[in-house]
Structure formats: structure tokens, C-alpha cells
Amino acid sequence: MLPILYSYRRCPYAMRARLAIYAADIAVEIREIVLSDKPTHMLQVSPKGTVPVLVLQMGQIIEQSLDIMWWSLQQNDPQDWLVGDFDRMQALIAENDTHFKQALDRYKYPERYPQMAQAKYRQQGEVFLQQLEVLLNKHDYLLKNTASLADMAIFPFVRQFAAVDSIWFQASNYTKLKIWLNNLVNSALFETVMKKQPAYLG
């Protein structure tokens, strides 16, 4: 019996979990959920009801995307994503998952957050984009010349931010960031993890 990964194709948290699992060459059964009809088994093992959720053979449940990434890469890290300054990786990911994610949500759904104009939320998110641009002026990737855990955990969220207004993003001055994002989005690994899966209705 394979480990089971409950996933949702377009969720950036699920994307990064799948990226690590595939990079580590771990065979799993992917169960693509329908948000309006979540599987009973998923809710039984993880009442929080959000993806990703990884169910291991011995019954262990891993409910957080970063924990899934970490577990996967501990099994096998052929691309050396964990090699480097791990404290800096963690700090960048934490900034992504807190302040940047908050700005992203407000920028993407401004009608839900009418306290400020959409452009203001974009400016809040740009604080992080500017930080990434500075790092990418030093290396091909965020912390070195090959991808690390930080790149793979962060880029699905930058991808989402860029897609809110792709014309604005392509016209922006984030030269290195656009190259970095384009390389990751068009990588064979990302294309593999984004292949459509049949909906799991169990």
C-alpha cells in the first residue's frame, strides 16, 4: 500500500508538497479532492479539512506542507534542496508564509478586504518581491546557484501573485525574479506535478 497524498492541483501548499515528493522520487497515491465534497477519510484523519495531507503506511499523518517537504527530503534529496544555510531557508519561507501570503490573499481577493485599495495590497507584497530580487542578483536561485528548499517552497506563491495581474508583473522591474519564476514554472518537475488527476470521490 502506497502513502496517500490528499491534494488539490491549484493549491500552492499542495504544489510544494508534491514538488518535494516527486523530487525525492517517493511513490504515492495522489487523491485529488473536490473542495465542495471532501473525502470522508481525509476528514477523519485530518479534521482541519485542508490540503495537503499525507497518510503514511503505518498510519502516521503529516498535515502541513512544509512538514511533508521535510519528511520527503529526509528520505531522499537527490537535488540537494536541503544543502546550504538552513536557517536562512527557514527565515525566507516564514516570511513567505506570513506577511507575503497575507498580502497575496488581499491582493488576489480585494473585494473581501475593502479596507484598502488593491494597489496598496500589491505594494505590501512587493516588499517581499524586492527582497527576492536582491537575492537573485547574487545567485541563480535564492540562496545559491541551484534550487533549495526555499525556492521550491516559495515559488508557487510568487506564481500566484504574478498571475493576479500578469500584464503588470511582466512590465515590472523584477528582472531576475521573472527569470527565476519562468525557469521554475517551466521546469520538467513542475510540469509533472501539475498534471491533472481524476477527482477522488471516495
Protein backbone atom coordinates (compact mmCIF):
# COMPACT_ATOMS: atom_id res chain seq x y z
CA MET A 1 0.00 0.00 0.00
CA LEU A 2 1.38 3.37 -1.03
CA PRO A 3 1.29 6.51 1.11
CA ILE A 4 -1.78 8.61 0.28
CA LEU A 5 -1.49 12.30 -0.54
CA TYR A 6 -4.70 14.28 -0.45
CA SER A 7 -4.09 17.20 -2.76
CA TYR A 8 -5.69 19.97 -4.78
CA ARG A 9 -3.91 20.77 -8.01
CA ARG A 10 -4.03 24.58 -7.84
CA CYS A 11 -3.30 24.99 -4.11
CA PRO A 12 0.24 26.37 -3.64
CA TYR A 13 0.65 24.46 -0.37
CA ALA A 14 -0.24 21.22 -2.12
CA MET A 15 2.03 22.16 -5.03
CA ARG A 16 5.08 22.43 -2.84
CA ALA A 17 4.29 19.16 -1.08
CA ARG A 18 4.02 17.41 -4.46
CA LEU A 19 7.25 19.04 -5.64
CA ALA A 20 9.21 17.57 -2.74
CA ILE A 21 7.57 14.15 -3.02
CA TYR A 22 8.32 13.91 -6.73
CA ALA A 23 11.83 15.30 -6.34
CA ALA A 24 12.50 12.68 -3.66
CA ASP A 25 11.15 10.01 -6.03
CA ILE A 26 8.65 8.76 -3.48
CA ALA A 27 5.72 6.82 -4.90
CA VAL A 28 2.38 7.97 -3.52
CA GLU A 29 -1.27 7.64 -4.36
CA ILE A 30 -2.49 11.15 -5.15
CA ARG A 31 -6.11 11.75 -4.30
CA GLU A 32 -7.27 14.97 -5.97
CA ILE A 33 -10.06 16.35 -3.81
CA VAL A 34 -13.15 18.29 -4.79
CA LEU A 35 -13.35 21.27 -2.45
CA SER A 36 -17.14 21.10 -2.18
CA ASP A 37 -17.14 17.36 -1.47
CA LYS A 38 -14.08 16.48 0.61
CA PRO A 39 -13.41 12.76 1.12
CA THR A 40 -14.65 11.29 4.37
CA HIS A 41 -11.35 9.53 5.01
CA MET A 42 -9.39 12.77 4.66
CA LEU A 43 -11.64 14.49 7.19
CA GLN A 44 -11.34 11.52 9.55
CA VAL A 45 -7.54 11.58 9.58
CA SER A 46 -7.25 15.37 9.35
CA PRO A 47 -10.32 17.24 10.63
CA LYS A 48 -8.81 20.60 9.63
CA GLY A 49 -10.07 19.78 6.14
CA THR A 50 -7.30 21.47 4.16
CA VAL A 51 -4.71 20.02 1.81
CA PRO A 52 -2.12 18.69 1.62
CA VAL A 53 -2.46 15.70 3.92
CA LEU A 54 -0.04 12.79 3.70
CA VAL A 55 -1.09 9.44 5.16
CA LEU A 56 1.85 7.09 5.61
CA GLN A 57 1.66 3.30 5.54
CA MET A 58 1.91 2.92 9.31
CA GLY A 59 -0.90 5.40 9.85
CA GLN A 60 1.21 8.48 10.56
CA ILE A 61 -0.45 11.68 9.36
CA ILE A 62 1.54 14.69 8.13
CA GLU A 63 -0.78 17.67 7.78
CA GLN A 64 1.45 20.62 6.96
CA SER A 65 3.04 21.20 3.57
CA LEU A 66 6.47 22.11 4.95
CA ASP A 67 6.47 19.02 7.15
CA ILE A 68 5.66 16.92 4.07
CA MET A 69 8.54 18.56 2.20
CA TRP A 70 10.91 17.98 5.10
CA TRP A 71 9.85 14.34 5.53
CA SER A 72 10.22 13.67 1.79
CA LEU A 73 13.67 15.21 1.52
CA GLN A 74 14.87 13.37 4.59
CA GLN A 75 14.09 10.14 2.73
CA ASN A 76 15.91 11.26 -0.40
CA ASP A 77 17.32 14.63 -1.50
CA PRO A 78 18.94 13.96 -4.90
CA GLN A 79 18.84 17.63 -5.92
CA ASP A 80 20.37 18.89 -2.64
CA TRP A 81 17.45 21.12 -1.69
CA LEU A 82 18.45 20.88 1.97
CA VAL A 83 22.09 21.75 1.32
CA GLY A 84 23.02 25.28 2.36
CA ASP A 85 22.14 27.77 5.07
CA PHE A 86 19.09 26.09 6.53
CA ASP A 87 18.35 28.95 8.95
CA ARG A 88 18.12 31.41 6.03
CA MET A 89 15.90 28.98 4.13
CA GLN A 90 13.55 28.78 7.09
CA ALA A 91 13.52 32.55 7.59
CA LEU A 92 12.61 33.19 3.94
CA ILE A 93 9.88 30.57 3.99
CA ALA A 94 8.48 32.03 7.21
CA GLU A 95 8.31 35.50 5.62
CA ASN A 96 6.56 33.99 2.60
CA ASP A 97 4.05 32.10 4.71
CA THR A 98 3.13 35.05 6.93
CA HIS A 99 3.44 38.60 5.61
CA PHE A 100 3.65 37.77 1.91
CA LYS A 101 0.80 35.25 1.99
CA GLN A 102 -1.38 37.77 3.82
CA ALA A 103 -0.67 40.45 1.19
CA LEU A 104 -1.23 37.91 -1.59
CA ASP A 105 -4.66 36.96 -0.27
CA ARG A 106 -5.71 40.60 -0.05
CA TYR A 107 -4.27 41.46 -3.46
CA LYS A 108 -5.97 38.47 -5.08
CA TYR A 109 -9.33 38.99 -3.40
CA PRO A 110 -9.59 42.77 -2.78
CA GLU A 111 -13.39 42.59 -2.60
CA ARG A 112 -13.02 40.61 0.63
CA TYR A 113 -10.70 43.23 2.12
CA PRO A 114 -12.17 46.64 1.24
CA GLN A 115 -10.14 48.43 3.92
CA MET A 116 -7.54 49.36 1.30
CA ALA A 117 -7.25 49.57 -2.48
CA GLN A 118 -5.92 46.56 -4.34
CA ALA A 119 -2.81 48.51 -5.35
CA LYS A 120 -1.93 49.01 -1.67
CA TYR A 121 -2.04 45.26 -1.06
CA ARG A 122 0.18 44.75 -4.09
CA GLN A 123 2.67 47.22 -2.63
CA GLN A 124 2.69 45.24 0.61
CA GLY A 125 3.50 42.08 -1.33
CA GLU A 126 6.20 43.85 -3.29
CA VAL A 127 8.26 44.25 -0.13
CA PHE A 128 8.95 40.53 -0.34
CA LEU A 129 9.39 40.55 -4.11
CA GLN A 130 12.06 43.23 -3.73
CA GLN A 131 13.83 41.08 -1.15
CA LEU A 132 13.83 38.14 -3.55
CA GLU A 133 15.10 40.29 -6.42
CA VAL A 134 18.09 41.35 -4.30
CA LEU A 135 18.91 37.72 -3.51
CA LEU A 136 18.59 36.71 -7.16
CA ASN A 137 21.11 39.35 -8.16
CA LYS A 138 23.67 37.28 -6.22
CA HIS A 139 22.74 33.77 -7.36
CA ASP A 140 20.66 31.99 -9.98
CA TYR A 141 18.37 30.88 -7.16
CA LEU A 142 17.53 32.48 -3.84
CA LEU A 143 20.45 31.27 -1.74
CA LYS A 144 22.81 29.53 -4.16
CA ASN A 145 23.21 28.71 -7.84
CA THR A 146 20.98 25.68 -7.58
CA ALA A 147 17.50 25.40 -6.13
CA SER A 148 16.99 24.94 -2.41
CA LEU A 149 14.03 24.20 -0.19
CA ALA A 150 13.38 27.96 -0.04
CA ASP A 151 12.94 28.27 -3.81
CA MET A 152 10.60 25.32 -4.04
CA ALA A 153 8.51 26.32 -1.02
CA ILE A 154 8.13 29.94 -2.14
CA PHE A 155 7.73 29.99 -5.91
CA PRO A 156 4.15 28.61 -6.05
CA PHE A 157 3.05 31.67 -4.08
CA VAL A 158 5.04 34.12 -6.23
CA ARG A 159 3.48 32.43 -9.26
CA GLN A 160 0.04 33.14 -7.82
CA PHE A 161 0.95 36.75 -7.05
CA ALA A 162 2.26 37.28 -10.60
CA ALA A 163 -0.93 35.85 -12.09
CA VAL A 164 -3.25 38.35 -10.37
CA ASP A 165 -2.20 40.97 -12.94
CA SER A 166 0.20 39.29 -15.34
CA ILE A 167 0.49 42.39 -17.54
CA TRP A 168 1.68 44.45 -14.57
CA PHE A 169 4.09 41.73 -13.47
CA GLN A 170 5.64 41.30 -16.90
CA ALA A 171 6.12 45.07 -17.17
CA SER A 172 7.67 45.32 -13.70
CA ASN A 173 11.35 45.80 -12.95
CA TYR A 174 11.77 42.42 -11.25
CA THR A 175 14.13 41.22 -13.97
CA LYS A 176 15.83 38.42 -12.06
CA LEU A 177 12.63 37.37 -10.33
CA LYS A 178 10.84 36.93 -13.66
CA ILE A 179 13.64 34.74 -15.00
CA TRP A 180 13.68 32.67 -11.78
CA LEU A 181 9.92 32.21 -11.81
CA ASN A 182 9.82 31.36 -15.50
CA ASN A 183 12.55 28.73 -15.10
CA LEU A 184 10.76 27.05 -12.20
CA VAL A 185 7.29 27.18 -13.74
CA ASN A 186 8.59 25.69 -16.98
CA SER A 187 10.71 23.02 -15.33
CA ALA A 188 10.00 19.37 -16.06
CA LEU A 189 9.38 18.79 -12.35
CA PHE A 190 6.67 21.44 -12.11
CA GLU A 191 5.02 20.27 -15.31
CA THR A 192 4.92 16.76 -13.84
CA VAL A 193 3.35 17.77 -10.53
CA MET A 194 0.76 19.93 -12.31
CA LYS A 195 -0.62 17.15 -14.49
CA LYS A 196 -4.35 16.83 -13.98
CA GLN A 197 -5.51 13.99 -11.79
CA PRO A 198 -9.00 12.49 -11.76
CA ALA A 199 -11.13 13.73 -8.88
CA TYR A 200 -11.20 11.35 -5.92
CA LEU A 201 -14.77 10.89 -4.72
CA GLY A 202 -14.24 8.17 -2.13
